[in-house]
Structure formats: structure tokens, C-alpha cells
Amino acid sequence: MRKIQEELCRRFNAEWIEADPELKVGISRELYEGKPLKPIYGNRSEPTPTTTGWYFYSGPEMSEDEDFFLPLCAAHLEKHCPAVIPYLGLPPGWSFAIVPEDGVEQVWGLED
């Protein structure tokens, strides 16, 4: 997967920053349950010693509820939301919106 992530970063002129699969991401319940709405969003903030910095959700807007994001080891994204895996190498400050089944992809970073 690293090769795919590095290629995606090159396409968008972004530095590849590893998202350690042993660290946590935040994932919304509908993505965790495999029932995504459209589109799927990903936002990466600065990683911490225990997190990758990634937060994933789907649908028209992100909720402000405290329990909106569930913690999940990044290694388990393959089971719960594999569509986001190619984007994991994007650096902090970068985001994306995708609708995989429709071929829709938007990626933007700090300078966009």
C-alpha cells in the first residue's frame, strides 16, 4: 500500500508522511459499520504519539457530538473502510472527499 500512497502524494504534489498502522484514527459510526454515506471525507491533523492524525466520516456534514468519532487502529481500515487507505500518506493539513463507486475524488492541502 505504501507505493500506492506515495504515488497519490506525487499526483497532488504532497509530501508522503506515514500513517503508522498500529496507531489510531477517528472513524464515524457509519464508516465503521460499513454503511458510508456520500461522499467519504478524510482530514489529517498533526499526529500524536498514539494517533495518525486522521479523521474519517461520510455524508453531508461532520457532527459536533463528542462521540461522533470512534477510535480505530489504522490497520483495521481494510475491514471497515478500505477506500481511504490510498490517502493515508497525505501529510497533516490535507483533506479529501471521495465517492469511490462514482470515480469522484477531490484532494486539497494547506496551500490550496
PDB file of N, CA and C in Angstrom:
ATOM      1  N   MET A   1       0.806  -1.202   0.000  1.00  0.00           N
ATOM      2  CA  MET A   1       0.000   0.000   0.000  1.00  0.00           C
ATOM      3  C   MET A   1       0.851   1.269   0.000  1.00  0.00           C
ATOM      4  N   ARG A   2       2.038   1.170   0.571  1.00  0.00           N
ATOM      5  CA  ARG A   2       2.886   2.366   0.626  1.00  0.00           C
ATOM      6  C   ARG A   2       3.125   2.931  -0.773  1.00  0.00           C
ATOM      7  N   LYS A   3       3.372   2.056  -1.738  1.00  0.00           N
ATOM      8  CA  LYS A   3       3.640   2.511  -3.105  1.00  0.00           C
ATOM      9  C   LYS A   3       2.437   3.282  -3.659  1.00  0.00           C
ATOM     10  N   ILE A   4       1.241   2.796  -3.416  1.00  0.00           N
ATOM     11  CA  ILE A   4       0.015   3.468  -3.874  1.00  0.00           C
ATOM     12  C   ILE A   4      -0.129   4.829  -3.187  1.00  0.00           C
ATOM     13  N   GLN A   5       0.153   4.872  -1.900  1.00  0.00           N
ATOM     14  CA  GLN A   5       0.063   6.124  -1.151  1.00  0.00           C
ATOM     15  C   GLN A   5       1.098   7.132  -1.652  1.00  0.00           C
ATOM     16  N   GLU A   6       2.315   6.676  -1.908  1.00  0.00           N
ATOM     17  CA  GLU A   6       3.359   7.574  -2.407  1.00  0.00           C
ATOM     18  C   GLU A   6       2.999   8.127  -3.783  1.00  0.00           C
ATOM     19  N   GLU A   7       2.434   7.281  -4.642  1.00  0.00           N
ATOM     20  CA  GLU A   7       2.024   7.736  -5.973  1.00  0.00           C
ATOM     21  C   GLU A   7       0.919   8.786  -5.877  1.00  0.00           C
ATOM     22  N   LEU A   8      -0.045   8.575  -4.996  1.00  0.00           N
ATOM     23  CA  LEU A   8      -1.119   9.547  -4.813  1.00  0.00           C
ATOM     24  C   LEU A   8      -0.536  10.880  -4.331  1.00  0.00           C
ATOM     25  N   CYS A   9       0.394  10.833  -3.401  1.00  0.00           N
ATOM     26  CA  CYS A   9       1.028  12.061  -2.908  1.00  0.00           C
ATOM     27  C   CYS A   9       1.771  12.778  -4.032  1.00  0.00           C
ATOM     28  N   ARG A  10       2.461  12.036  -4.879  1.00  0.00           N
ATOM     29  CA  ARG A  10       3.154  12.647  -6.024  1.00  0.00           C
ATOM     30  C   ARG A  10       2.152  13.333  -6.951  1.00  0.00           C
ATOM     31  N   ARG A  11       1.028  12.666  -7.197  1.00  0.00           N
ATOM     32  CA  ARG A  11      -0.003  13.239  -8.083  1.00  0.00           C
ATOM     33  C   ARG A  11      -0.478  14.604  -7.601  1.00  0.00           C
ATOM     34  N   PHE A  12      -0.536  14.777  -6.275  1.00  0.00           N
ATOM     35  CA  PHE A  12      -1.037  16.028  -5.705  1.00  0.00           C
ATOM     36  C   PHE A  12       0.077  16.916  -5.149  1.00  0.00           C
ATOM     37  N   ASN A  13       1.326  16.575  -5.488  1.00  0.00           N
ATOM     38  CA  ASN A  13       2.478  17.362  -5.061  1.00  0.00           C
ATOM     39  C   ASN A  13       2.503  17.533  -3.536  1.00  0.00           C
ATOM     40  N   ALA A  14       2.305  16.428  -2.848  1.00  0.00           N
ATOM     41  CA  ALA A  14       2.280  16.424  -1.379  1.00  0.00           C
ATOM     42  C   ALA A  14       3.385  15.505  -0.863  1.00  0.00           C
ATOM     43  N   GLU A  15       3.940  15.857   0.257  1.00  0.00           N
ATOM     44  CA  GLU A  15       4.941  15.010   0.899  1.00  0.00           C
ATOM     45  C   GLU A  15       4.249  13.785   1.494  1.00  0.00           C
ATOM     46  N   TRP A  16       4.830  12.595   1.289  1.00  0.00           N
ATOM     47  CA  TRP A  16       4.282  11.385   1.898  1.00  0.00           C
ATOM     48  C   TRP A  16       4.716  11.326   3.363  1.00  0.00           C
ATOM     49  N   ILE A  17       3.754  11.189   4.256  1.00  0.00           N
ATOM     50  CA  ILE A  17       4.012  11.051   5.689  1.00  0.00           C
ATOM     51  C   ILE A  17       3.310   9.777   6.147  1.00  0.00           C
ATOM     52  N   GLU A  18       4.062   8.827   6.625  1.00  0.00           N
ATOM     53  CA  GLU A  18       3.485   7.547   7.026  1.00  0.00           C
ATOM     54  C   GLU A  18       2.410   7.705   8.103  1.00  0.00           C
ATOM     55  N   ALA A  19       1.368   6.931   7.956  1.00  0.00           N
ATOM     56  CA  ALA A  19       0.347   6.779   8.995  1.00  0.00           C
ATOM     57  C   ALA A  19       0.561   5.372   9.553  1.00  0.00           C
ATOM     58  N   ASP A  20       1.231   5.292  10.678  1.00  0.00           N
ATOM     59  CA  ASP A  20       1.571   4.008  11.287  1.00  0.00           C
ATOM     60  C   ASP A  20       0.304   3.177  11.492  1.00  0.00           C
ATOM     61  N   PRO A  21       0.229   1.975  10.924  1.00  0.00           N
ATOM     62  CA  PRO A  21      -0.976   1.152  11.049  1.00  0.00           C
ATOM     63  C   PRO A  21      -1.304   0.732  12.478  1.00  0.00           C
ATOM     64  N   GLU A  22      -0.337   0.840  13.373  1.00  0.00           N
ATOM     65  CA  GLU A  22      -0.585   0.473  14.772  1.00  0.00           C
ATOM     66  C   GLU A  22      -1.201   1.624  15.575  1.00  0.00           C
ATOM     67  N   LEU A  23      -1.236   2.819  14.987  1.00  0.00           N
ATOM     68  CA  LEU A  23      -1.807   3.978  15.685  1.00  0.00           C
ATOM     69  C   LEU A  23      -3.279   4.134  15.332  1.00  0.00           C
ATOM     70  N   LYS A  24      -3.957   4.955  16.069  1.00  0.00           N
ATOM     71  CA  LYS A  24      -5.410   5.131  15.923  1.00  0.00           C
ATOM     72  C   LYS A  24      -5.777   6.182  14.875  1.00  0.00           C
ATOM     73  N   VAL A  25      -6.960   5.999  14.309  1.00  0.00           N
ATOM     74  CA  VAL A  25      -7.645   7.010  13.508  1.00  0.00           C
ATOM     75  C   VAL A  25      -8.981   7.253  14.206  1.00  0.00           C
ATOM     76  N   GLY A  26      -9.646   8.323  13.817  1.00  0.00           N
ATOM     77  CA  GLY A  26     -11.018   8.550  14.250  1.00  0.00           C
ATOM     78  C   GLY A  26     -11.920   8.219  13.078  1.00  0.00           C
ATOM     79  N   ILE A  27     -12.947   7.412  13.307  1.00  0.00           N
ATOM     80  CA  ILE A  27     -13.825   6.991  12.220  1.00  0.00           C
ATOM     81  C   ILE A  27     -15.277   7.117  12.671  1.00  0.00           C
ATOM     82  N   SER A  28     -16.117   7.657  11.813  1.00  0.00           N
ATOM     83  CA  SER A  28     -17.531   7.810  12.167  1.00  0.00           C
ATOM     84  C   SER A  28     -18.219   6.441  12.162  1.00  0.00           C
ATOM     85  N   ARG A  29     -19.303   6.360  12.884  1.00  0.00           N
ATOM     86  CA  ARG A  29     -20.003   5.087  13.053  1.00  0.00           C
ATOM     87  C   ARG A  29     -20.446   4.472  11.725  1.00  0.00           C
ATOM     88  N   GLU A  30     -20.976   5.289  10.798  1.00  0.00           N
ATOM     89  CA  GLU A  30     -21.457   4.710   9.534  1.00  0.00           C
ATOM     90  C   GLU A  30     -20.303   4.109   8.727  1.00  0.00           C
ATOM     91  N   LEU A  31     -19.117   4.704   8.801  1.00  0.00           N
ATOM     92  CA  LEU A  31     -17.969   4.099   8.130  1.00  0.00           C
ATOM     93  C   LEU A  31     -17.513   2.842   8.861  1.00  0.00           C
ATOM     94  N   TYR A  32     -17.491   2.907  10.172  1.00  0.00           N
ATOM     95  CA  TYR A  32     -17.098   1.744  10.974  1.00  0.00           C
ATOM     96  C   TYR A  32     -17.997   0.546  10.662  1.00  0.00           C
ATOM     97  N   GLU A  33     -19.285   0.816  10.503  1.00  0.00           N
ATOM     98  CA  GLU A  33     -20.256  -0.251  10.249  1.00  0.00           C
ATOM     99  C   GLU A  33     -20.339  -0.644   8.778  1.00  0.00           C
ATOM    100  N   GLY A  34     -19.525  -0.004   7.920  1.00  0.00           N
ATOM    101  CA  GLY A  34     -19.533  -0.334   6.502  1.00  0.00           C
ATOM    102  C   GLY A  34     -20.741   0.171   5.756  1.00  0.00           C
ATOM    103  N   LYS A  35     -21.361   1.258   6.268  1.00  0.00           N
ATOM    104  CA  LYS A  35     -22.547   1.835   5.639  1.00  0.00           C
ATOM    105  C   LYS A  35     -22.313   3.315   5.333  1.00  0.00           C
ATOM    106  N   PRO A  36     -21.297   3.606   4.494  1.00  0.00           N
ATOM    107  CA  PRO A  36     -20.971   5.016   4.252  1.00  0.00           C
ATOM    108  C   PRO A  36     -22.049   5.755   3.478  1.00  0.00           C
ATOM    109  N   LEU A  37     -22.183   7.021   3.812  1.00  0.00           N
ATOM    110  CA  LEU A  37     -22.993   7.936   3.026  1.00  0.00           C
ATOM    111  C   LEU A  37     -22.056   8.541   1.981  1.00  0.00           C
ATOM    112  N   LYS A  38     -22.576   9.369   1.097  1.00  0.00           N
ATOM    113  CA  LYS A  38     -21.737  10.017   0.094  1.00  0.00           C
ATOM    114  C   LYS A  38     -21.589  11.479   0.424  1.00  0.00           C
ATOM    115  N   PRO A  39     -20.432  12.045   0.255  1.00  0.00           N
ATOM    116  CA  PRO A  39     -19.133  11.439  -0.005  1.00  0.00           C
ATOM    117  C   PRO A  39     -18.462  10.970   1.279  1.00  0.00           C
ATOM    118  N   ILE A  40     -17.292  10.344   1.138  1.00  0.00           N
ATOM    119  CA  ILE A  40     -16.438   9.976   2.272  1.00  0.00           C
ATOM    120  C   ILE A  40     -15.369  11.065   2.383  1.00  0.00           C
ATOM    121  N   TYR A  41     -15.207  11.597   3.586  1.00  0.00           N
ATOM    122  CA  TYR A  41     -14.221  12.650   3.837  1.00  0.00           C
ATOM    123  C   TYR A  41     -13.104  12.126   4.731  1.00  0.00           C
ATOM    124  N   GLY A  42     -11.918  12.670   4.527  1.00  0.00           N
ATOM    125  CA  GLY A  42     -10.787  12.424   5.406  1.00  0.00           C
ATOM    126  C   GLY A  42     -10.073  13.735   5.666  1.00  0.00           C
ATOM    127  N   ASN A  43      -9.725  13.984   6.916  1.00  0.00           N
ATOM    128  CA  ASN A  43      -8.984  15.183   7.311  1.00  0.00           C
ATOM    129  C   ASN A  43      -7.841  14.741   8.213  1.00  0.00           C
ATOM    130  N   ARG A  44      -6.630  15.210   7.895  1.00  0.00           N
ATOM    131  CA  ARG A  44      -5.485  14.826   8.723  1.00  0.00           C
ATOM    132  C   ARG A  44      -4.961  16.033   9.496  1.00  0.00           C
ATOM    133  N   SER A  45      -4.953  15.887  10.801  1.00  0.00           N
ATOM    134  CA  SER A  45      -4.333  16.879  11.673  1.00  0.00           C
ATOM    135  C   SER A  45      -2.959  16.331  12.081  1.00  0.00           C
ATOM    136  N   GLU A  46      -2.279  17.031  12.947  1.00  0.00           N
ATOM    137  CA  GLU A  46      -0.961  16.582  13.388  1.00  0.00           C
ATOM    138  C   GLU A  46      -1.074  15.256  14.147  1.00  0.00           C
ATOM    139  N   PRO A  47      -0.232  14.293  13.815  1.00  0.00           N
ATOM    140  CA  PRO A  47      -0.222  13.034  14.567  1.00  0.00           C
ATOM    141  C   PRO A  47       0.221  13.271  16.016  1.00  0.00           C
ATOM    142  N   THR A  48      -0.153  12.362  16.870  1.00  0.00           N
ATOM    143  CA  THR A  48       0.270  12.370  18.274  1.00  0.00           C
ATOM    144  C   THR A  48       1.006  11.056  18.525  1.00  0.00           C
ATOM    145  N   PRO A  49       1.536  10.833  19.704  1.00  0.00           N
ATOM    146  CA  PRO A  49       2.202   9.546  19.958  1.00  0.00           C
ATOM    147  C   PRO A  49       1.276   8.326  19.806  1.00  0.00           C
ATOM    148  N   THR A  50      -0.044   8.527  19.883  1.00  0.00           N
ATOM    149  CA  THR A  50      -0.962   7.388  19.789  1.00  0.00           C
ATOM    150  C   THR A  50      -1.912   7.446  18.596  1.00  0.00           C
ATOM    151  N   THR A  51      -1.875   8.543  17.820  1.00  0.00           N
ATOM    152  CA  THR A  51      -2.809   8.673  16.691  1.00  0.00           C
ATOM    153  C   THR A  51      -2.077   9.062  15.409  1.00  0.00           C
ATOM    154  N   THR A  52      -2.688   8.724  14.281  1.00  0.00           N
ATOM    155  CA  THR A  52      -2.153   9.094  12.966  1.00  0.00           C
ATOM    156  C   THR A  52      -2.493  10.531  12.612  1.00  0.00           C
ATOM    157  N   GLY A  53      -3.490  11.099  13.292  1.00  0.00           N
ATOM    158  CA  GLY A  53      -3.992  12.421  12.942  1.00  0.00           C
ATOM    159  C   GLY A  53      -5.177  12.368  11.992  1.00  0.00           C
ATOM    160  N   TRP A  54      -5.532  11.190  11.499  1.00  0.00           N
ATOM    161  CA  TRP A  54      -6.621  11.053  10.524  1.00  0.00           C
ATOM    162  C   TRP A  54      -7.989  10.936  11.199  1.00  0.00           C
ATOM    163  N   TYR A  55      -8.978  11.610  10.572  1.00  0.00           N
ATOM    164  CA  TYR A  55     -10.384  11.519  10.959  1.00  0.00           C
ATOM    165  C   TYR A  55     -11.184  11.300   9.686  1.00  0.00           C
ATOM    166  N   PHE A  56     -12.059  10.293   9.702  1.00  0.00           N
ATOM    167  CA  PHE A  56     -12.855   9.926   8.536  1.00  0.00           C
ATOM    168  C   PHE A  56     -14.336   9.942   8.876  1.00  0.00           C
ATOM    169  N   TYR A  57     -15.133  10.488   7.967  1.00  0.00           N
ATOM    170  CA  TYR A  57     -16.589  10.494   8.131  1.00  0.00           C
ATOM    171  C   TYR A  57     -17.223  10.541   6.758  1.00  0.00           C
ATOM    172  N   SER A  58     -18.540  10.381   6.697  1.00  0.00           N
ATOM    173  CA  SER A  58     -19.216  10.451   5.411  1.00  0.00           C
ATOM    174  C   SER A  58     -20.541  11.181   5.568  1.00  0.00           C
ATOM    175  N   GLY A  59     -21.054  11.613   4.430  1.00  0.00           N
ATOM    176  CA  GLY A  59     -22.314  12.335   4.427  1.00  0.00           C
ATOM    177  C   GLY A  59     -22.129  13.827   4.277  1.00  0.00           C
ATOM    178  N   PRO A  60     -23.225  14.544   4.380  1.00  0.00           N
ATOM    179  CA  PRO A  60     -23.185  15.982   4.082  1.00  0.00           C
ATOM    180  C   PRO A  60     -22.389  16.828   5.069  1.00  0.00           C
ATOM    181  N   GLU A  61     -22.310  16.415   6.324  1.00  0.00           N
ATOM    182  CA  GLU A  61     -21.556  17.218   7.296  1.00  0.00           C
ATOM    183  C   GLU A  61     -21.080  16.386   8.473  1.00  0.00           C
ATOM    184  N   MET A  62     -20.064  16.905   9.118  1.00  0.00           N
ATOM    185  CA  MET A  62     -19.498  16.252  10.297  1.00  0.00           C
ATOM    186  C   MET A  62     -20.284  16.710  11.529  1.00  0.00           C
ATOM    187  N   SER A  63     -20.574  15.787  12.399  1.00  0.00           N
ATOM    188  CA  SER A  63     -21.289  16.101  13.628  1.00  0.00           C
ATOM    189  C   SER A  63     -20.343  16.711  14.658  1.00  0.00           C
ATOM    190  N   GLU A  64     -20.895  17.515  15.535  1.00  0.00           N
ATOM    191  CA  GLU A  64     -20.121  18.102  16.637  1.00  0.00           C
ATOM    192  C   GLU A  64     -20.235  17.243  17.908  1.00  0.00           C
ATOM    193  N   ASP A  65     -20.987  16.144  17.845  1.00  0.00           N
ATOM    194  CA  ASP A  65     -21.167  15.277  19.005  1.00  0.00           C
ATOM    195  C   ASP A  65     -19.835  14.719  19.478  1.00  0.00           C
ATOM    196  N   GLU A  66     -19.651  14.658  20.789  1.00  0.00           N
ATOM    197  CA  GLU A  66     -18.412  14.141  21.392  1.00  0.00           C
ATOM    198  C   GLU A  66     -18.072  12.737  20.922  1.00  0.00           C
ATOM    199  N   ASP A  67     -19.082  11.914  20.747  1.00  0.00           N
ATOM    200  CA  ASP A  67     -18.846  10.511  20.404  1.00  0.00           C
ATOM    201  C   ASP A  67     -19.002  10.219  18.909  1.00  0.00           C
ATOM    202  N   PHE A  68     -18.908  11.253  18.077  1.00  0.00           N
ATOM    203  CA  PHE A  68     -19.065  11.069  16.628  1.00  0.00           C
ATOM    204  C   PHE A  68     -17.972  10.169  16.063  1.00  0.00           C
ATOM    205  N   PHE A  69     -16.727  10.373  16.504  1.00  0.00           N
ATOM    206  CA  PHE A  69     -15.610   9.566  16.022  1.00  0.00           C
ATOM    207  C   PHE A  69     -15.297   8.444  16.995  1.00  0.00           C
ATOM    208  N   LEU A  70     -15.180   7.238  16.444  1.00  0.00           N
ATOM    209  CA  LEU A  70     -14.770   6.076  17.216  1.00  0.00           C
ATOM    210  C   LEU A  70     -13.280   5.862  16.986  1.00  0.00           C
ATOM    211  N   PRO A  71     -12.531   5.483  18.008  1.00  0.00           N
ATOM    212  CA  PRO A  71     -11.110   5.189  17.791  1.00  0.00           C
ATOM    213  C   PRO A  71     -10.959   3.820  17.124  1.00  0.00           C
ATOM    214  N   LEU A  72     -10.054   3.749  16.162  1.00  0.00           N
ATOM    215  CA  LEU A  72      -9.818   2.502  15.445  1.00  0.00           C
ATOM    216  C   LEU A  72      -8.355   2.445  15.056  1.00  0.00           C
ATOM    217  N   CYS A  73      -7.743   1.306  15.253  1.00  0.00           N
ATOM    218  CA  CYS A  73      -6.365   1.102  14.802  1.00  0.00           C
ATOM    219  C   CYS A  73      -6.361   1.210  13.275  1.00  0.00           C
ATOM    220  N   ALA A  74      -5.445   1.978  12.725  1.00  0.00           N
ATOM    221  CA  ALA A  74      -5.398   2.180  11.276  1.00  0.00           C
ATOM    222  C   ALA A  74      -5.307   0.850  10.520  1.00  0.00           C
ATOM    223  N   ALA A  75      -4.696  -0.151  11.114  1.00  0.00           N
ATOM    224  CA  ALA A  75      -4.583  -1.460  10.471  1.00  0.00           C
ATOM    225  C   ALA A  75      -5.951  -2.072  10.177  1.00  0.00           C
ATOM    226  N   HIS A  76      -6.985  -1.671  10.894  1.00  0.00           N
ATOM    227  CA  HIS A  76      -8.325  -2.236  10.708  1.00  0.00           C
ATOM    228  C   HIS A  76      -9.155  -1.486   9.671  1.00  0.00           C
ATOM    229  N   LEU A  77      -8.586  -0.454   9.051  1.00  0.00           N
ATOM    230  CA  LEU A  77      -9.316   0.249   7.996  1.00  0.00           C
ATOM    231  C   LEU A  77      -9.621  -0.668   6.822  1.00  0.00           C
ATOM    232  N   GLU A  78      -8.768  -1.636   6.580  1.00  0.00           N
ATOM    233  CA  GLU A  78      -9.001  -2.589   5.483  1.00  0.00           C
ATOM    234  C   GLU A  78     -10.376  -3.254   5.628  1.00  0.00           C
ATOM    235  N   LYS A  79     -10.774  -3.537   6.836  1.00  0.00           N
ATOM    236  CA  LYS A  79     -12.068  -4.170   7.097  1.00  0.00           C
ATOM    237  C   LYS A  79     -13.216  -3.161   7.094  1.00  0.00           C
ATOM    238  N   HIS A  80     -13.000  -1.984   7.678  1.00  0.00           N
ATOM    239  CA  HIS A  80     -14.095  -1.042   7.908  1.00  0.00           C
ATOM    240  C   HIS A  80     -14.274   0.011   6.817  1.00  0.00           C
ATOM    241  N   CYS A  81     -13.193   0.453   6.186  1.00  0.00           N
ATOM    242  CA  CYS A  81     -13.309   1.491   5.159  1.00  0.00           C
ATOM    243  C   CYS A  81     -12.067   1.485   4.256  1.00  0.00           C
ATOM    244  N   PRO A  82     -11.916   0.447   3.440  1.00  0.00           N
ATOM    245  CA  PRO A  82     -10.706   0.327   2.620  1.00  0.00           C
ATOM    246  C   PRO A  82     -10.515   1.455   1.606  1.00  0.00           C
ATOM    247  N   ALA A  83     -11.562   2.150   1.235  1.00  0.00           N
ATOM    248  CA  ALA A  83     -11.458   3.216   0.230  1.00  0.00           C
ATOM    249  C   ALA A  83     -10.533   4.347   0.658  1.00  0.00           C
ATOM    250  N   VAL A  84     -10.308   4.525   1.974  1.00  0.00           N
ATOM    251  CA  VAL A  84      -9.479   5.640   2.441  1.00  0.00           C
ATOM    252  C   VAL A  84      -7.987   5.293   2.468  1.00  0.00           C
ATOM    253  N   ILE A  85      -7.640   4.040   2.363  1.00  0.00           N
ATOM    254  CA  ILE A  85      -6.248   3.606   2.543  1.00  0.00           C
ATOM    255  C   ILE A  85      -5.266   4.289   1.576  1.00  0.00           C
ATOM    256  N   PRO A  86      -5.600   4.480   0.301  1.00  0.00           N
ATOM    257  CA  PRO A  86      -4.640   5.150  -0.578  1.00  0.00           C
ATOM    258  C   PRO A  86      -4.285   6.580  -0.156  1.00  0.00           C
ATOM    259  N   TYR A  87      -5.113   7.211   0.668  1.00  0.00           N
ATOM    260  CA  TYR A  87      -4.924   8.610   1.065  1.00  0.00           C
ATOM    261  C   TYR A  87      -4.147   8.763   2.374  1.00  0.00           C
ATOM    262  N   LEU A  88      -3.851   7.661   3.044  1.00  0.00           N
ATOM    263  CA  LEU A  88      -3.242   7.722   4.376  1.00  0.00           C
ATOM    264  C   LEU A  88      -1.875   8.400   4.417  1.00  0.00           C
ATOM    265  N   GLY A  89      -1.170   8.462   3.305  1.00  0.00           N
ATOM    266  CA  GLY A  89       0.146   9.088   3.282  1.00  0.00           C
ATOM    267  C   GLY A  89       0.127  10.599   3.136  1.00  0.00           C
ATOM    268  N   LEU A  90      -1.052  11.176   2.882  1.00  0.00           N
ATOM    269  CA  LEU A  90      -1.121  12.637   2.785  1.00  0.00           C
ATOM    270  C   LEU A  90      -0.698  13.255   4.111  1.00  0.00           C
ATOM    271  N   PRO A  91      -0.014  14.383   4.072  1.00  0.00           N
ATOM    272  CA  PRO A  91       0.516  14.976   5.300  1.00  0.00           C
ATOM    273  C   PRO A  91      -0.543  15.720   6.118  1.00  0.00           C
ATOM    274  N   PRO A  92      -0.210  16.057   7.353  1.00  0.00           N
ATOM    275  CA  PRO A  92      -1.111  16.871   8.173  1.00  0.00           C
ATOM    276  C   PRO A  92      -1.487  18.157   7.440  1.00  0.00           C
ATOM    277  N   GLY A  93      -2.743  18.547   7.599  1.00  0.00           N
ATOM    278  CA  GLY A  93      -3.260  19.729   6.925  1.00  0.00           C
ATOM    279  C   GLY A  93      -3.941  19.413   5.604  1.00  0.00           C
ATOM    280  N   TRP A  94      -3.889  18.172   5.177  1.00  0.00           N
ATOM    281  CA  TRP A  94      -4.512  17.763   3.921  1.00  0.00           C
ATOM    282  C   TRP A  94      -5.840  17.065   4.174  1.00  0.00           C
ATOM    283  N   SER A  95      -6.713  17.128   3.171  1.00  0.00           N
ATOM    284  CA  SER A  95      -8.052  16.540   3.259  1.00  0.00           C
ATOM    285  C   SER A  95      -8.430  15.945   1.907  1.00  0.00           C
ATOM    286  N   PHE A  96      -9.461  15.120   1.929  1.00  0.00           N
ATOM    287  CA  PHE A  96     -10.002  14.586   0.683  1.00  0.00           C
ATOM    288  C   PHE A  96     -11.491  14.324   0.829  1.00  0.00           C
ATOM    289  N   ALA A  97     -12.149  14.241  -0.325  1.00  0.00           N
ATOM    290  CA  ALA A  97     -13.549  13.835  -0.420  1.00  0.00           C
ATOM    291  C   ALA A  97     -13.629  12.890  -1.611  1.00  0.00           C
ATOM    292  N   ILE A  98     -14.220  11.717  -1.392  1.00  0.00           N
ATOM    293  CA  ILE A  98     -14.302  10.716  -2.460  1.00  0.00           C
ATOM    294  C   ILE A  98     -15.683  10.072  -2.496  1.00  0.00           C
ATOM    295  N   VAL A  99     -16.059   9.655  -3.690  1.00  0.00           N
ATOM    296  CA  VAL A  99     -17.203   8.760  -3.903  1.00  0.00           C
ATOM    297  C   VAL A  99     -16.650   7.668  -4.809  1.00  0.00           C
ATOM    298  N   PRO A 100     -16.046   6.641  -4.195  1.00  0.00           N
ATOM    299  CA  PRO A 100     -15.309   5.641  -4.986  1.00  0.00           C
ATOM    300  C   PRO A 100     -16.111   5.005  -6.114  1.00  0.00           C
ATOM    301  N   GLU A 101     -17.358   4.667  -5.859  1.00  0.00           N
ATOM    302  CA  GLU A 101     -18.146   3.981  -6.882  1.00  0.00           C
ATOM    303  C   GLU A 101     -18.481   4.877  -8.069  1.00  0.00           C
ATOM    304  N   ASP A 102     -18.359   6.197  -7.903  1.00  0.00           N
ATOM    305  CA  ASP A 102     -18.620   7.142  -8.996  1.00  0.00           C
ATOM    306  C   ASP A 102     -17.337   7.732  -9.578  1.00  0.00           C
ATOM    307  N   GLY A 103     -16.177   7.343  -9.048  1.00  0.00           N
ATOM    308  CA  GLY A 103     -14.910   7.867  -9.533  1.00  0.00           C
ATOM    309  C   GLY A 103     -14.648   9.317  -9.140  1.00  0.00           C
ATOM    310  N   VAL A 104     -15.348   9.820  -8.126  1.00  0.00           N
ATOM    311  CA  VAL A 104     -15.179  11.201  -7.677  1.00  0.00           C
ATOM    312  C   VAL A 104     -14.038  11.275  -6.668  1.00  0.00           C
ATOM    313  N   GLU A 105     -13.145  12.250  -6.882  1.00  0.00           N
ATOM    314  CA  GLU A 105     -12.010  12.420  -5.983  1.00  0.00           C
ATOM    315  C   GLU A 105     -11.628  13.893  -5.953  1.00  0.00           C
ATOM    316  N   GLN A 106     -11.584  14.463  -4.751  1.00  0.00           N
ATOM    317  CA  GLN A 106     -11.060  15.808  -4.537  1.00  0.00           C
ATOM    318  C   GLN A 106     -10.045  15.723  -3.414  1.00  0.00           C
ATOM    319  N   VAL A 107      -8.893  16.321  -3.620  1.00  0.00           N
ATOM    320  CA  VAL A 107      -7.837  16.318  -2.612  1.00  0.00           C
ATOM    321  C   VAL A 107      -7.311  17.742  -2.518  1.00  0.00           C
ATOM    322  N   TRP A 108      -7.139  18.244  -1.304  1.00  0.00           N
ATOM    323  CA  TRP A 108      -6.627  19.596  -1.121  1.00  0.00           C
ATOM    324  C   TRP A 108      -5.753  19.664   0.118  1.00  0.00           C
ATOM    325  N   GLY A 109      -4.829  20.619   0.072  1.00  0.00           N
ATOM    326  CA  GLY A 109      -3.878  20.756   1.158  1.00  0.00           C
ATOM    327  C   GLY A 109      -3.808  22.166   1.684  1.00  0.00           C
ATOM    328  N   LEU A 110      -2.804  22.401   2.484  1.00  0.00           N
ATOM    329  CA  LEU A 110      -2.625  23.682   3.164  1.00  0.00           C
ATOM    330  C   LEU A 110      -2.551  24.856   2.199  1.00  0.00           C
ATOM    331  N   GLU A 111      -1.882  24.669   1.069  1.00  0.00           N
ATOM    332  CA  GLU A 111      -1.699  25.793   0.162  1.00  0.00           C
ATOM    333  C   GLU A 111      -2.841  25.972  -0.814  1.00  0.00           C
ATOM    334  N   ASP A 112      -3.842  25.083  -0.802  1.00  0.00           N
ATOM    335  CA  ASP A 112      -4.978  25.195  -1.730  1.00  0.00           C
ATOM    336  C   ASP A 112      -6.048  26.123  -1.198  1.00  0.00           C
TER     337      ASP A 112
END
